Amino acid sequence: MSNPSDVPPQQPGAQPPASGNVPPAGPQQPPVNPSPTPGYQSPPPGYQGEPGYQAPPPGYQGQPAPAGGFRFEMPTDRPRNFSDALPVGGLSGMFKVAPMPTELKVSYWIWLIGGLLGLLGGIIGLFGSFVLIAFAPPIGLVVLLLVIVALALATAQIILAMKMKEGREWARFALTILVGISLVLTVIGAGVADGRAGGNLPGFIISLVATVLMWLPNAQAWFVANRGRI
């Protein structure tokens, strides 16, 4: 006879009997380590976030990297004393051009020749202003003042051009400002004494071309490359 306490063997394919220790059916728990979102880059090991950091909103993909190109920066190589503002070796190297891009060479010669012509025109303008003072003193004095300013600017233009040739960014910036001053003198000179004050529109246009050449990409790269060697 069989013993009632004996459990019959389980048949193949049969379901196991329900037990009282099986947990009731319910909502599934999320996995402990969910799979990352496609395209997500995990932070480096040990990264704990910055203080006050707030997580970005869903769908945020970050700002695009700024596109490369020209970015204006104020010159940091400003002269510390008067000797720094003078050309190295004096005016003896005026007609010697250092190795630099063609754009800067053309710009330098424009500035240099324009400055020399400005000095010559200023000297001639001095004599003209003296004659004008004899016939029309008020206008003659204004012309004389403008001629003196033009002479000073022509001298500064030559010195700044030589410093620009040495790779000084502050000299390039000063030459750019000089173009704006030349424009003002051109307008004033055209309205006073029929342009006999020295400046003229063709000269301003030539100076503007020289200024543009100084800020072209090749010229900018040359100035940046010379920052550590000056």
C-alpha atoms as a PDB file:
ATOM      1  CA  MET A   1       0.000   0.000   0.000  1.00  0.00           C
ATOM      2  CA  SER A   2       1.161   3.553  -0.683  1.00  0.00           C
ATOM      3  CA  ASN A   3       1.857   6.018   2.042  1.00  0.00           C
ATOM      4  CA  PRO A   4      -0.458   9.079   1.930  1.00  0.00           C
ATOM      5  CA  SER A   5       2.412  11.370   2.877  1.00  0.00           C
ATOM      6  CA  ASP A   6       4.441  10.421  -0.172  1.00  0.00           C
ATOM      7  CA  VAL A   7       4.468  13.095  -2.888  1.00  0.00           C
ATOM      8  CA  PRO A   8       3.950  11.752  -6.356  1.00  0.00           C
ATOM      9  CA  PRO A   9       6.763  12.468  -8.791  1.00  0.00           C
ATOM     10  CA  GLN A  10       6.366  15.544 -11.052  1.00  0.00           C
ATOM     11  CA  GLN A  11       5.450  14.799 -14.596  1.00  0.00           C
ATOM     12  CA  PRO A  12       7.456  16.348 -17.421  1.00  0.00           C
ATOM     13  CA  GLY A  13       5.875  19.609 -18.671  1.00  0.00           C
ATOM     14  CA  ALA A  14       3.667  19.944 -15.629  1.00  0.00           C
ATOM     15  CA  GLN A  15       3.503  23.341 -13.821  1.00  0.00           C
ATOM     16  CA  PRO A  16       4.902  23.442 -10.283  1.00  0.00           C
ATOM     17  CA  PRO A  17       2.317  23.812  -7.585  1.00  0.00           C
ATOM     18  CA  ALA A  18       1.721  27.289  -6.191  1.00  0.00           C
ATOM     19  CA  SER A  19       3.537  27.974  -2.980  1.00  0.00           C
ATOM     20  CA  GLY A  20       2.678  30.380  -0.239  1.00  0.00           C
ATOM     21  CA  ASN A  21       6.178  31.959  -0.429  1.00  0.00           C
ATOM     22  CA  VAL A  22       5.761  33.294  -4.006  1.00  0.00           C
ATOM     23  CA  PRO A  23       5.281  37.113  -3.979  1.00  0.00           C
ATOM     24  CA  PRO A  24       2.025  38.382  -5.433  1.00  0.00           C
ATOM     25  CA  ALA A  25       1.982  39.761  -8.917  1.00  0.00           C
ATOM     26  CA  GLY A  26       2.477  43.522  -9.111  1.00  0.00           C
ATOM     27  CA  PRO A  27       4.155  46.335 -11.080  1.00  0.00           C
ATOM     28  CA  GLN A  28       7.664  45.483 -12.212  1.00  0.00           C
ATOM     29  CA  GLN A  29      10.534  47.333 -10.563  1.00  0.00           C
ATOM     30  CA  PRO A  30      12.891  49.338 -12.840  1.00  0.00           C
ATOM     31  CA  PRO A  31      16.320  47.847 -13.386  1.00  0.00           C
ATOM     32  CA  VAL A  32      19.081  48.990 -11.086  1.00  0.00           C
ATOM     33  CA  ASN A  33      21.365  50.171 -13.901  1.00  0.00           C
ATOM     34  CA  PRO A  34      19.222  51.401 -16.809  1.00  0.00           C
ATOM     35  CA  SER A  35      20.824  51.526 -20.223  1.00  0.00           C
ATOM     36  CA  PRO A  36      22.113  55.018 -21.134  1.00  0.00           C
ATOM     37  CA  THR A  37      20.434  57.186 -23.717  1.00  0.00           C
ATOM     38  CA  PRO A  38      21.971  56.862 -27.209  1.00  0.00           C
ATOM     39  CA  GLY A  39      24.688  59.465 -27.658  1.00  0.00           C
ATOM     40  CA  TYR A  40      25.161  60.010 -23.908  1.00  0.00           C
ATOM     41  CA  GLN A  41      28.746  60.286 -22.678  1.00  0.00           C
ATOM     42  CA  SER A  42      29.314  59.215 -19.097  1.00  0.00           C
ATOM     43  CA  PRO A  43      31.305  61.594 -16.844  1.00  0.00           C
ATOM     44  CA  PRO A  44      34.892  60.676 -15.925  1.00  0.00           C
ATOM     45  CA  PRO A  45      35.521  58.504 -12.867  1.00  0.00           C
ATOM     46  CA  GLY A  46      35.333  60.431  -9.612  1.00  0.00           C
ATOM     47  CA  TYR A  47      33.284  63.292 -11.073  1.00  0.00           C
ATOM     48  CA  GLN A  48      30.788  64.589  -8.507  1.00  0.00           C
ATOM     49  CA  GLY A  49      29.529  67.702 -10.277  1.00  0.00           C
ATOM     50  CA  GLU A  50      30.081  71.330  -9.465  1.00  0.00           C
ATOM     51  CA  PRO A  51      28.462  73.015  -6.455  1.00  0.00           C
ATOM     52  CA  GLY A  52      25.061  74.326  -7.390  1.00  0.00           C
ATOM     53  CA  TYR A  53      25.027  72.343 -10.631  1.00  0.00           C
ATOM     54  CA  GLN A  54      21.580  71.705 -12.026  1.00  0.00           C
ATOM     55  CA  ALA A  55      20.901  68.910 -14.449  1.00  0.00           C
ATOM     56  CA  PRO A  56      19.998  70.067 -17.973  1.00  0.00           C
ATOM     57  CA  PRO A  57      16.408  69.658 -19.118  1.00  0.00           C
ATOM     58  CA  PRO A  58      15.374  66.527 -21.058  1.00  0.00           C
ATOM     59  CA  GLY A  59      16.465  66.617 -24.676  1.00  0.00           C
ATOM     60  CA  TYR A  60      19.294  69.103 -24.039  1.00  0.00           C
ATOM     61  CA  GLN A  61      22.269  68.366 -26.278  1.00  0.00           C
ATOM     62  CA  GLY A  62      24.635  71.163 -25.263  1.00  0.00           C
ATOM     63  CA  GLN A  63      25.739  74.331 -27.008  1.00  0.00           C
ATOM     64  CA  PRO A  64      27.580  73.924 -30.306  1.00  0.00           C
ATOM     65  CA  ALA A  65      31.267  74.764 -30.225  1.00  0.00           C
ATOM     66  CA  PRO A  66      32.012  78.262 -31.474  1.00  0.00           C
ATOM     67  CA  ALA A  67      33.071  78.310 -35.068  1.00  0.00           C
ATOM     68  CA  GLY A  68      36.708  79.158 -35.710  1.00  0.00           C
ATOM     69  CA  GLY A  69      37.553  82.493 -37.249  1.00  0.00           C
ATOM     70  CA  PHE A  70      38.740  85.968 -36.480  1.00  0.00           C
ATOM     71  CA  ARG A  71      38.088  87.303 -32.998  1.00  0.00           C
ATOM     72  CA  PHE A  72      39.138  90.820 -32.070  1.00  0.00           C
ATOM     73  CA  GLU A  73      41.217  91.196 -28.930  1.00  0.00           C
ATOM     74  CA  MET A  74      42.712  94.288 -27.388  1.00  0.00           C
ATOM     75  CA  PRO A  75      46.511  94.316 -27.710  1.00  0.00           C
ATOM     76  CA  THR A  76      48.372  93.201 -24.609  1.00  0.00           C
ATOM     77  CA  ASP A  77      51.861  94.323 -25.708  1.00  0.00           C
ATOM     78  CA  ARG A  78      51.391  98.025 -25.027  1.00  0.00           C
ATOM     79  CA  PRO A  79      54.633  99.995 -24.573  1.00  0.00           C
ATOM     80  CA  ARG A  80      55.726 100.346 -20.963  1.00  0.00           C
ATOM     81  CA  ASN A  81      57.885 103.408 -21.537  1.00  0.00           C
ATOM     82  CA  PHE A  82      58.845 105.896 -24.227  1.00  0.00           C
ATOM     83  CA  SER A  83      61.728 103.789 -25.540  1.00  0.00           C
ATOM     84  CA  ASP A  84      59.353 100.877 -26.233  1.00  0.00           C
ATOM     85  CA  ALA A  85      57.394 103.135 -28.587  1.00  0.00           C
ATOM     86  CA  LEU A  86      60.457 103.917 -30.710  1.00  0.00           C
ATOM     87  CA  PRO A  87      61.628 101.664 -33.557  1.00  0.00           C
ATOM     88  CA  VAL A  88      64.378  99.227 -32.668  1.00  0.00           C
ATOM     89  CA  GLY A  89      67.649 100.584 -34.086  1.00  0.00           C
ATOM     90  CA  GLY A  90      66.153 103.989 -34.871  1.00  0.00           C
ATOM     91  CA  LEU A  91      65.098 105.016 -38.374  1.00  0.00           C
ATOM     92  CA  SER A  92      68.001 103.193 -40.025  1.00  0.00           C
ATOM     93  CA  GLY A  93      65.848 100.144 -40.758  1.00  0.00           C
ATOM     94  CA  MET A  94      63.040 102.124 -42.355  1.00  0.00           C
ATOM     95  CA  PHE A  95      63.491 100.519 -45.785  1.00  0.00           C
ATOM     96  CA  LYS A  96      64.234  97.001 -44.499  1.00  0.00           C
ATOM     97  CA  VAL A  97      61.250  94.674 -44.438  1.00  0.00           C
ATOM     98  CA  ALA A  98      61.230  91.725 -42.044  1.00  0.00           C
ATOM     99  CA  PRO A  99      59.900  88.294 -43.135  1.00  0.00           C
ATOM    100  CA  MET A 100      56.134  88.615 -42.947  1.00  0.00           C
ATOM    101  CA  PRO A 101      53.055  87.943 -45.120  1.00  0.00           C
ATOM    102  CA  THR A 102      52.692  89.788 -48.404  1.00  0.00           C
ATOM    103  CA  GLU A 103      49.619  91.614 -47.111  1.00  0.00           C
ATOM    104  CA  LEU A 104      51.645  93.164 -44.292  1.00  0.00           C
ATOM    105  CA  LYS A 105      54.501  94.075 -46.617  1.00  0.00           C
ATOM    106  CA  VAL A 106      52.127  95.953 -48.917  1.00  0.00           C
ATOM    107  CA  SER A 107      50.467  97.595 -45.917  1.00  0.00           C
ATOM    108  CA  TYR A 108      53.836  98.650 -44.478  1.00  0.00           C
ATOM    109  CA  TRP A 109      54.993 100.270 -47.711  1.00  0.00           C
ATOM    110  CA  ILE A 110      51.682 102.118 -48.023  1.00  0.00           C
ATOM    111  CA  TRP A 111      52.007 103.452 -44.487  1.00  0.00           C
ATOM    112  CA  LEU A 112      55.663 104.374 -44.925  1.00  0.00           C
ATOM    113  CA  ILE A 113      55.309 106.102 -48.293  1.00  0.00           C
ATOM    114  CA  GLY A 114      52.123 107.818 -47.147  1.00  0.00           C
ATOM    115  CA  GLY A 115      53.872 109.098 -44.035  1.00  0.00           C
ATOM    116  CA  LEU A 116      56.828 110.452 -46.029  1.00  0.00           C
ATOM    117  CA  LEU A 117      54.502 112.150 -48.493  1.00  0.00           C
ATOM    118  CA  GLY A 118      52.552 113.557 -45.542  1.00  0.00           C
ATOM    119  CA  LEU A 119      55.732 115.096 -44.150  1.00  0.00           C
ATOM    120  CA  LEU A 120      56.560 116.635 -47.515  1.00  0.00           C
ATOM    121  CA  GLY A 121      53.025 117.952 -47.949  1.00  0.00           C
ATOM    122  CA  GLY A 122      53.028 119.322 -44.419  1.00  0.00           C
ATOM    123  CA  ILE A 123      56.199 121.283 -45.016  1.00  0.00           C
ATOM    124  CA  ILE A 124      54.729 122.770 -48.176  1.00  0.00           C
ATOM    125  CA  GLY A 125      51.494 123.462 -46.308  1.00  0.00           C
ATOM    126  CA  LEU A 126      53.396 125.434 -43.680  1.00  0.00           C
ATOM    127  CA  PHE A 127      54.573 127.951 -46.259  1.00  0.00           C
ATOM    128  CA  GLY A 128      51.091 128.107 -47.750  1.00  0.00           C
ATOM    129  CA  SER A 129      49.513 128.767 -44.365  1.00  0.00           C
ATOM    130  CA  PHE A 130      51.954 131.632 -43.720  1.00  0.00           C
ATOM    131  CA  VAL A 131      50.955 133.249 -46.990  1.00  0.00           C
ATOM    132  CA  LEU A 132      47.264 132.699 -46.200  1.00  0.00           C
ATOM    133  CA  ILE A 133      47.672 134.315 -42.783  1.00  0.00           C
ATOM    134  CA  ALA A 134      48.858 137.508 -44.476  1.00  0.00           C
ATOM    135  CA  PHE A 135      45.624 137.798 -46.509  1.00  0.00           C
ATOM    136  CA  ALA A 136      43.043 136.083 -44.269  1.00  0.00           C
ATOM    137  CA  PRO A 137      44.388 135.661 -40.735  1.00  0.00           C
ATOM    138  CA  PRO A 138      41.451 133.671 -39.242  1.00  0.00           C
ATOM    139  CA  ILE A 139      41.452 131.063 -42.011  1.00  0.00           C
ATOM    140  CA  GLY A 140      45.245 131.065 -42.179  1.00  0.00           C
ATOM    141  CA  LEU A 141      45.528 130.235 -38.474  1.00  0.00           C
ATOM    142  CA  VAL A 142      43.077 127.349 -38.824  1.00  0.00           C
ATOM    143  CA  VAL A 143      45.022 126.009 -41.795  1.00  0.00           C
ATOM    144  CA  LEU A 144      48.300 126.368 -39.890  1.00  0.00           C
ATOM    145  CA  LEU A 145      46.878 124.395 -36.958  1.00  0.00           C
ATOM    146  CA  LEU A 146      45.645 121.629 -39.253  1.00  0.00           C
ATOM    147  CA  VAL A 147      48.998 121.456 -41.019  1.00  0.00           C
ATOM    148  CA  ILE A 148      50.824 121.073 -37.720  1.00  0.00           C
ATOM    149  CA  VAL A 149      48.462 118.266 -36.719  1.00  0.00           C
ATOM    150  CA  ALA A 150      48.997 116.639 -40.116  1.00  0.00           C
ATOM    151  CA  LEU A 151      52.777 116.798 -39.664  1.00  0.00           C
ATOM    152  CA  ALA A 152      52.504 115.151 -36.252  1.00  0.00           C
ATOM    153  CA  LEU A 153      50.266 112.429 -37.631  1.00  0.00           C
ATOM    154  CA  ALA A 154      52.618 111.777 -40.557  1.00  0.00           C
ATOM    155  CA  THR A 155      55.539 111.386 -38.149  1.00  0.00           C
ATOM    156  CA  ALA A 156      53.507 109.084 -35.909  1.00  0.00           C
ATOM    157  CA  GLN A 157      52.425 107.090 -38.954  1.00  0.00           C
ATOM    158  CA  ILE A 158      56.029 106.349 -39.924  1.00  0.00           C
ATOM    159  CA  ILE A 159      56.975 105.304 -36.377  1.00  0.00           C
ATOM    160  CA  LEU A 160      53.870 103.152 -35.928  1.00  0.00           C
ATOM    161  CA  ALA A 161      54.423 101.471 -39.291  1.00  0.00           C
ATOM    162  CA  MET A 162      57.932 100.498 -38.210  1.00  0.00           C
ATOM    163  CA  LYS A 163      56.631  99.125 -34.917  1.00  0.00           C
ATOM    164  CA  MET A 164      53.922  97.221 -36.778  1.00  0.00           C
ATOM    165  CA  LYS A 165      56.677  95.701 -38.925  1.00  0.00           C
ATOM    166  CA  GLU A 166      58.269  94.434 -35.691  1.00  0.00           C
ATOM    167  CA  GLY A 167      55.051  92.550 -34.878  1.00  0.00           C
ATOM    168  CA  ARG A 168      53.621  94.952 -32.308  1.00  0.00           C
ATOM    169  CA  GLU A 169      49.847  94.596 -32.175  1.00  0.00           C
ATOM    170  CA  TRP A 170      49.402  97.891 -30.345  1.00  0.00           C
ATOM    171  CA  ALA A 171      51.008  99.667 -33.324  1.00  0.00           C
ATOM    172  CA  ARG A 172      48.517  98.035 -35.681  1.00  0.00           C
ATOM    173  CA  PHE A 173      45.671  99.127 -33.420  1.00  0.00           C
ATOM    174  CA  ALA A 174      47.045 102.683 -33.286  1.00  0.00           C
ATOM    175  CA  LEU A 175      47.318 102.822 -37.088  1.00  0.00           C
ATOM    176  CA  THR A 176      43.677 101.789 -37.298  1.00  0.00           C
ATOM    177  CA  ILE A 177      42.706 104.679 -35.038  1.00  0.00           C
ATOM    178  CA  LEU A 178      44.902 106.939 -37.159  1.00  0.00           C
ATOM    179  CA  VAL A 179      42.707 106.218 -40.159  1.00  0.00           C
ATOM    180  CA  GLY A 180      39.695 107.564 -38.291  1.00  0.00           C
ATOM    181  CA  ILE A 181      41.579 110.726 -37.405  1.00  0.00           C
ATOM    182  CA  SER A 182      42.641 111.100 -41.033  1.00  0.00           C
ATOM    183  CA  LEU A 183      39.007 110.886 -42.076  1.00  0.00           C
ATOM    184  CA  VAL A 184      38.118 113.735 -39.721  1.00  0.00           C
ATOM    185  CA  LEU A 185      40.975 115.845 -41.071  1.00  0.00           C
ATOM    186  CA  THR A 186      39.899 115.071 -44.631  1.00  0.00           C
ATOM    187  CA  VAL A 187      36.371 116.311 -43.951  1.00  0.00           C
ATOM    188  CA  ILE A 188      37.614 119.446 -42.196  1.00  0.00           C
ATOM    189  CA  GLY A 189      40.256 120.096 -44.833  1.00  0.00           C
ATOM    190  CA  ALA A 190      37.666 119.843 -47.597  1.00  0.00           C
ATOM    191  CA  GLY A 191      35.547 122.514 -45.923  1.00  0.00           C
ATOM    192  CA  VAL A 192      38.312 124.912 -44.942  1.00  0.00           C
ATOM    193  CA  ALA A 193      40.396 126.747 -47.524  1.00  0.00           C
ATOM    194  CA  ASP A 194      39.294 124.443 -50.350  1.00  0.00           C
ATOM    195  CA  GLY A 195      41.203 121.442 -49.037  1.00  0.00           C
ATOM    196  CA  ARG A 196      44.503 123.244 -48.513  1.00  0.00           C
ATOM    197  CA  ALA A 197      44.704 121.859 -44.981  1.00  0.00           C
ATOM    198  CA  GLY A 198      46.675 118.840 -46.125  1.00  0.00           C
ATOM    199  CA  GLY A 199      44.356 115.805 -46.043  1.00  0.00           C
ATOM    200  CA  ASN A 200      42.524 114.544 -49.131  1.00  0.00           C
ATOM    201  CA  LEU A 201      40.062 111.801 -49.957  1.00  0.00           C
ATOM    202  CA  PRO A 202      42.394 109.665 -52.153  1.00  0.00           C
ATOM    203  CA  GLY A 203      44.949 109.589 -49.349  1.00  0.00           C
ATOM    204  CA  PHE A 204      42.303 108.428 -46.906  1.00  0.00           C
ATOM    205  CA  ILE A 205      41.177 105.634 -49.252  1.00  0.00           C
ATOM    206  CA  ILE A 206      44.777 104.415 -49.611  1.00  0.00           C
ATOM    207  CA  SER A 207      45.183 104.421 -45.830  1.00  0.00           C
ATOM    208  CA  LEU A 208      41.936 102.482 -45.504  1.00  0.00           C
ATOM    209  CA  VAL A 209      43.273  99.814 -47.875  1.00  0.00           C
ATOM    210  CA  ALA A 210      46.454  99.548 -45.791  1.00  0.00           C
ATOM    211  CA  THR A 211      44.336  99.118 -42.672  1.00  0.00           C
ATOM    212  CA  VAL A 212      42.263  96.313 -44.181  1.00  0.00           C
ATOM    213  CA  LEU A 213      45.426  94.485 -45.242  1.00  0.00           C
ATOM    214  CA  MET A 214      46.671  94.511 -41.645  1.00  0.00           C
ATOM    215  CA  TRP A 215      43.590  92.632 -40.410  1.00  0.00           C
ATOM    216  CA  LEU A 216      43.392  89.886 -43.025  1.00  0.00           C
ATOM    217  CA  PRO A 217      43.638  86.270 -41.751  1.00  0.00           C
ATOM    218  CA  ASN A 218      47.269  85.745 -42.834  1.00  0.00           C
ATOM    219  CA  ALA A 219      48.340  88.971 -41.159  1.00  0.00           C
ATOM    220  CA  GLN A 220      46.395  88.124 -38.016  1.00  0.00           C
ATOM    221  CA  ALA A 221      48.045  84.694 -37.830  1.00  0.00           C
ATOM    222  CA  TRP A 222      51.486  86.309 -38.174  1.00  0.00           C
ATOM    223  CA  PHE A 223      50.817  88.680 -35.268  1.00  0.00           C
ATOM    224  CA  VAL A 224      49.546  85.820 -33.108  1.00  0.00           C
ATOM    225  CA  ALA A 225      52.630  83.717 -33.919  1.00  0.00           C
ATOM    226  CA  ASN A 226      54.910  86.586 -32.879  1.00  0.00           C
ATOM    227  CA  ARG A 227      53.285  87.164 -29.486  1.00  0.00           C
ATOM    228  CA  GLY A 228      55.566  84.752 -27.677  1.00  0.00           C
ATOM    229  CA  ARG A 229      58.744  85.941 -29.415  1.00  0.00           C
ATOM    230  CA  ILE A 230      58.416  89.648 -28.615  1.00  0.00           C
END
